[in-house]
């Protein structure tokens, strides 16, 4: 009888685990698609919990993507029900749970989670897989009446390109017991031959063009930000 009871308990646990995995949806988007996705899919008929999982690179997250992710999450908080939940995390070069599942009714806390995402003021989980962290946390908050969805934001990671004139290493500097920020460390290499000197100059020109492009992207994002209310009104209507 004892062994039969153990077998029944084991069977029930296996069924619950399988059901949890089946209930969790996965959506893969680019950052610029998040606003449209939020408008097209929510509000939903059933209660939901969403895990926003953002890809990171060796040099962090594209600041140009902040507009799309920030406004996408803000739109979600307006379209979801107050008891629905949102969590935020990262995967890739840095794995972390930036914000555990939080009810939409406290939207201010969720907005602060997005700010932490881009400022880097969150604790990295050493030797962890960010994707596994997302599904583990989702399963830990499993509710048979709630639809779970892990929304993966791909292509947001910034990766340093190797240059012959210098080596760039991205490290994470511990600033407190719970916070980490990204810091770039550049080690210059003095050219020793005319060829190396020309290569160094080409690398510098390339960096200058990249900086100009980045500034232009920021200006475009700022312009888009000013017309966002009109965009959202169109979306809602």
Protein backbone atom coordinates (compact mmCIF):
# COMPACT_ATOMS: atom_id res chain seq x y z
CA UNK A 1 0.00 0.00 0.00
CA UNK A 2 2.89 2.34 0.83
CA UNK A 3 4.50 1.80 -2.58
CA UNK A 4 1.16 2.33 -4.30
CA UNK A 5 0.72 5.69 -2.56
CA UNK A 6 4.26 6.74 -3.58
CA UNK A 7 3.55 5.75 -7.18
CA UNK A 8 0.35 7.82 -7.20
CA UNK A 9 2.15 10.88 -5.82
CA UNK A 10 4.94 10.50 -8.40
CA UNK A 11 2.41 10.18 -11.23
CA UNK A 12 0.55 13.32 -10.11
CA UNK A 13 3.81 15.31 -9.93
CA UNK A 14 4.83 14.18 -13.42
CA UNK A 15 1.45 15.21 -14.79
CA UNK A 16 1.67 18.62 -13.16
CA UNK A 17 5.16 19.21 -14.61
CA UNK A 18 4.06 18.17 -18.10
CA UNK A 19 0.99 20.37 -17.87
CA UNK A 20 3.11 23.34 -16.79
CA UNK A 21 5.43 22.94 -19.80
CA UNK A 22 2.46 22.64 -22.17
CA UNK A 23 0.83 25.77 -20.74
CA UNK A 24 3.89 27.98 -21.27
CA UNK A 25 3.91 29.69 -24.66
CA UNK A 26 7.00 31.09 -26.36
CA UNK A 27 6.99 34.17 -28.60
CA UNK A 28 10.14 35.38 -30.39
CA UNK A 29 10.23 39.04 -31.45
CA UNK A 30 12.57 41.84 -32.40
CA UNK A 31 12.50 44.88 -30.14
CA UNK A 32 10.69 47.03 -32.71
CA UNK A 33 7.88 44.44 -32.93
CA UNK A 34 6.93 44.53 -29.25
CA UNK A 35 4.57 47.53 -29.48
CA UNK A 36 2.60 46.01 -32.36
CA UNK A 37 2.53 42.61 -30.63
CA UNK A 38 1.10 44.15 -27.47
CA UNK A 39 -1.58 45.99 -29.44
CA UNK A 40 -2.58 42.94 -31.50
CA UNK A 41 -2.71 40.34 -28.72
CA UNK A 42 -3.92 42.09 -25.56
CA UNK A 43 -6.15 42.37 -23.66
CA UNK A 44 -6.68 38.61 -23.61
CA UNK A 45 -9.71 36.57 -22.59
CA UNK A 46 -7.78 34.68 -19.90
CA UNK A 47 -5.49 35.92 -17.12
CA UNK A 48 -1.86 36.07 -18.28
CA UNK A 49 1.67 36.28 -16.95
CA UNK A 50 4.35 37.49 -19.35
CA UNK A 51 8.11 37.07 -19.00
CA UNK A 52 9.96 39.67 -21.13
CA UNK A 53 13.31 38.00 -21.91
CA UNK A 54 15.86 40.32 -23.55
CA UNK A 55 19.04 39.19 -25.29
CA UNK A 56 22.30 40.75 -24.08
CA UNK A 57 25.72 40.95 -25.72
CA UNK A 58 29.26 41.26 -24.44
CA UNK A 59 28.81 45.05 -24.31
CA UNK A 60 25.26 45.09 -22.98
CA UNK A 61 21.97 46.00 -24.69
CA UNK A 62 21.40 48.39 -27.60
CA UNK A 63 20.34 51.72 -26.14
CA UNK A 64 18.47 52.40 -29.39
CA UNK A 65 16.16 49.51 -28.46
CA UNK A 66 15.19 51.14 -25.17
CA UNK A 67 12.40 53.13 -26.85
CA UNK A 68 10.72 50.03 -28.31
CA UNK A 69 11.03 47.88 -25.17
CA UNK A 70 10.10 50.69 -22.79
CA UNK A 71 7.03 51.74 -24.78
CA UNK A 72 6.08 48.14 -25.54
CA UNK A 73 6.06 47.24 -21.84
CA UNK A 74 4.19 50.46 -21.03
CA UNK A 75 1.51 49.57 -23.58
CA UNK A 76 1.23 46.09 -22.05
CA UNK A 77 0.63 47.58 -18.61
CA UNK A 78 -2.22 49.64 -20.08
CA UNK A 79 -3.86 46.80 -22.00
CA UNK A 80 -3.49 43.98 -19.46
CA UNK A 81 -5.77 43.52 -16.47
CA UNK A 82 -4.52 44.80 -13.08
CA UNK A 83 -4.11 41.24 -11.74
CA UNK A 84 -2.04 40.09 -14.75
CA UNK A 85 1.70 39.86 -14.18
CA UNK A 86 4.92 40.84 -15.97
CA UNK A 87 8.49 39.72 -15.28
CA UNK A 88 11.71 40.91 -16.95
CA UNK A 89 14.95 39.01 -17.46
CA UNK A 90 18.01 38.67 -19.69
CA UNK A 91 19.83 35.90 -21.53
CA UNK A 92 22.93 35.65 -23.70
CA UNK A 93 26.13 37.17 -22.35
CA UNK A 94 24.43 38.09 -19.08
CA UNK A 95 21.73 35.98 -17.44
CA UNK A 96 19.54 37.54 -14.78
CA UNK A 97 16.05 37.97 -13.42
CA UNK A 98 15.76 41.76 -13.46
CA UNK A 99 12.18 41.83 -12.17
CA UNK A 100 10.20 38.88 -10.74
CA UNK A 101 6.54 38.48 -11.66
CA UNK A 102 4.81 41.71 -10.66
CA UNK A 103 1.15 42.63 -10.96
CA UNK A 104 0.28 45.21 -13.60
CA UNK A 105 -1.54 47.20 -10.92
CA UNK A 106 1.87 48.42 -9.72
CA UNK A 107 3.00 49.68 -13.11
CA UNK A 108 5.58 52.02 -11.57
CA UNK A 109 7.58 49.04 -10.32
CA UNK A 110 7.51 47.48 -13.80
CA UNK A 111 8.73 50.74 -15.37
CA UNK A 112 11.60 50.79 -12.86
CA UNK A 113 12.43 47.22 -13.95
CA UNK A 114 12.86 48.42 -17.54
CA UNK A 115 15.16 51.20 -16.33
CA UNK A 116 17.27 48.67 -14.43
CA UNK A 117 17.46 46.56 -17.58
CA UNK A 118 19.17 49.34 -19.52
CA UNK A 119 21.21 50.84 -16.69
CA UNK A 120 22.68 47.44 -15.82
CA UNK A 121 21.76 47.85 -12.14
CA UNK A 122 20.78 44.25 -11.56
CA UNK A 123 22.51 41.15 -10.26
CA UNK A 124 23.87 38.66 -12.75
CA UNK A 125 23.26 34.98 -11.96
CA UNK A 126 26.69 33.42 -12.40
CA UNK A 127 26.96 30.36 -14.66
CA UNK A 128 23.21 30.37 -15.28
CA UNK A 129 21.20 30.08 -18.49
CA UNK A 130 18.86 33.06 -18.80
CA UNK A 131 16.37 31.07 -20.85
CA UNK A 132 16.27 28.31 -18.23
CA UNK A 133 15.82 30.95 -15.52
CA UNK A 134 12.81 32.34 -17.38
CA UNK A 135 11.05 29.00 -17.70
CA UNK A 136 11.95 27.95 -14.16
CA UNK A 137 10.43 31.13 -12.73
CA UNK A 138 7.38 30.77 -14.96
CA UNK A 139 6.85 27.21 -13.79
CA UNK A 140 7.35 28.24 -10.16
CA UNK A 141 4.43 30.67 -10.63
CA UNK A 142 2.26 28.15 -12.48
CA UNK A 143 -1.49 28.56 -12.22
CA UNK A 144 -3.83 26.39 -14.27
CA UNK A 145 -6.13 29.36 -14.84
CA UNK A 146 -3.35 31.63 -16.13
CA UNK A 147 -1.79 31.64 -19.62
CA UNK A 148 2.01 31.94 -19.38
CA UNK A 149 4.06 33.41 -22.21
CA UNK A 150 7.84 33.88 -22.45
CA UNK A 151 8.44 36.74 -24.92
CA UNK A 152 12.03 36.57 -26.19
CA UNK A 153 13.43 39.83 -27.57
CA UNK A 154 16.22 38.81 -29.95
CA UNK A 155 18.88 40.96 -31.60
CA UNK A 156 19.20 43.47 -28.76
CA UNK A 157 22.67 42.38 -27.66
CA UNK A 158 25.68 44.61 -28.40
CA UNK A 159 28.85 42.74 -29.32
CA UNK A 160 32.24 44.41 -29.62
CA UNK A 161 33.96 44.02 -32.99
CA UNK A 162 37.67 43.15 -32.76
CA UNK A 163 39.97 45.90 -34.08
CA UNK A 164 43.61 45.48 -35.00
CA UNK A 165 44.56 48.78 -33.40
CA UNK A 166 43.13 48.00 -29.98
CA UNK A 167 41.57 45.28 -27.91
CA UNK A 168 38.27 45.95 -26.14
CA UNK A 169 37.07 43.86 -23.23
CA UNK A 170 33.63 44.20 -21.67
CA UNK A 171 33.53 43.35 -17.99
CA UNK A 172 30.92 43.59 -15.28
CA UNK A 173 32.03 45.60 -12.30
CA UNK A 174 30.43 44.88 -8.96
CA UNK A 175 29.22 48.17 -7.45
CA UNK A 176 27.34 46.72 -4.47
CA UNK A 177 26.26 43.39 -3.04
CA UNK A 178 23.31 43.25 -5.42
CA UNK A 179 24.11 45.51 -8.37
CA UNK A 180 26.29 45.13 -11.44
CA UNK A 181 27.03 47.60 -14.22
CA UNK A 182 28.72 47.14 -17.56
CA UNK A 183 32.08 48.82 -17.99
CA UNK A 184 34.23 49.02 -21.10
CA UNK A 185 37.97 48.65 -20.68
CA UNK A 186 40.06 49.73 -23.64
CA UNK A 187 43.72 48.90 -24.00
CA UNK A 188 45.44 50.95 -26.72
CA UNK A 189 48.12 49.40 -28.84
CA UNK A 190 50.67 51.80 -30.32
CA UNK A 191 51.34 51.21 -34.06
CA UNK A 192 54.92 50.27 -34.77
CA UNK A 193 54.99 50.24 -38.60
CA UNK A 194 53.50 52.46 -41.34
CA UNK A 195 51.08 49.65 -42.23
CA UNK A 196 49.89 49.33 -38.64
CA UNK A 197 49.56 53.10 -38.42
CA UNK A 198 47.29 53.15 -41.49
CA UNK A 199 45.25 50.33 -39.99
CA UNK A 200 44.90 52.29 -36.77
CA UNK A 201 43.67 55.35 -38.68
CA UNK A 202 41.12 53.25 -40.58
CA UNK A 203 39.88 51.81 -37.30
CA UNK A 204 39.51 55.31 -35.84
CA UNK A 205 37.52 56.51 -38.86
CA UNK A 206 35.29 53.46 -38.61
CA UNK A 207 34.60 54.21 -34.95
CA UNK A 208 33.81 57.85 -35.75
CA UNK A 209 31.27 56.80 -38.40
CA UNK A 210 29.72 54.31 -35.97
CA UNK A 211 29.37 57.08 -33.36
CA UNK A 212 27.66 59.36 -35.91
CA UNK A 213 25.26 56.54 -36.82
CA UNK A 214 24.47 55.92 -33.16
CA UNK A 215 23.72 59.60 -32.58
CA UNK A 216 21.41 59.60 -35.60
CA UNK A 217 19.61 56.54 -34.26
CA UNK A 218 19.12 58.30 -30.94
CA UNK A 219 17.67 61.34 -32.70
CA UNK A 220 15.24 59.16 -34.61
CA UNK A 221 14.18 57.46 -31.39
CA UNK A 222 13.65 60.86 -29.74
CA UNK A 223 11.51 62.03 -32.65
CA UNK A 224 9.47 58.84 -32.47
CA UNK A 225 9.04 59.37 -28.73
CA UNK A 226 7.42 62.78 -29.32
CA UNK A 227 4.77 61.29 -31.61
CA UNK A 228 4.19 58.15 -29.53
CA UNK A 229 0.86 59.33 -28.02
CA UNK A 230 -0.54 59.72 -31.53
CA UNK A 231 0.75 56.28 -32.51
CA UNK A 232 -0.81 54.67 -29.46
CA UNK A 233 -4.13 56.44 -30.09
CA UNK A 234 -4.17 54.99 -33.59
CA UNK A 235 -3.31 51.55 -32.24
CA UNK A 236 -6.04 51.68 -29.62
CA UNK A 237 -8.64 52.82 -32.14
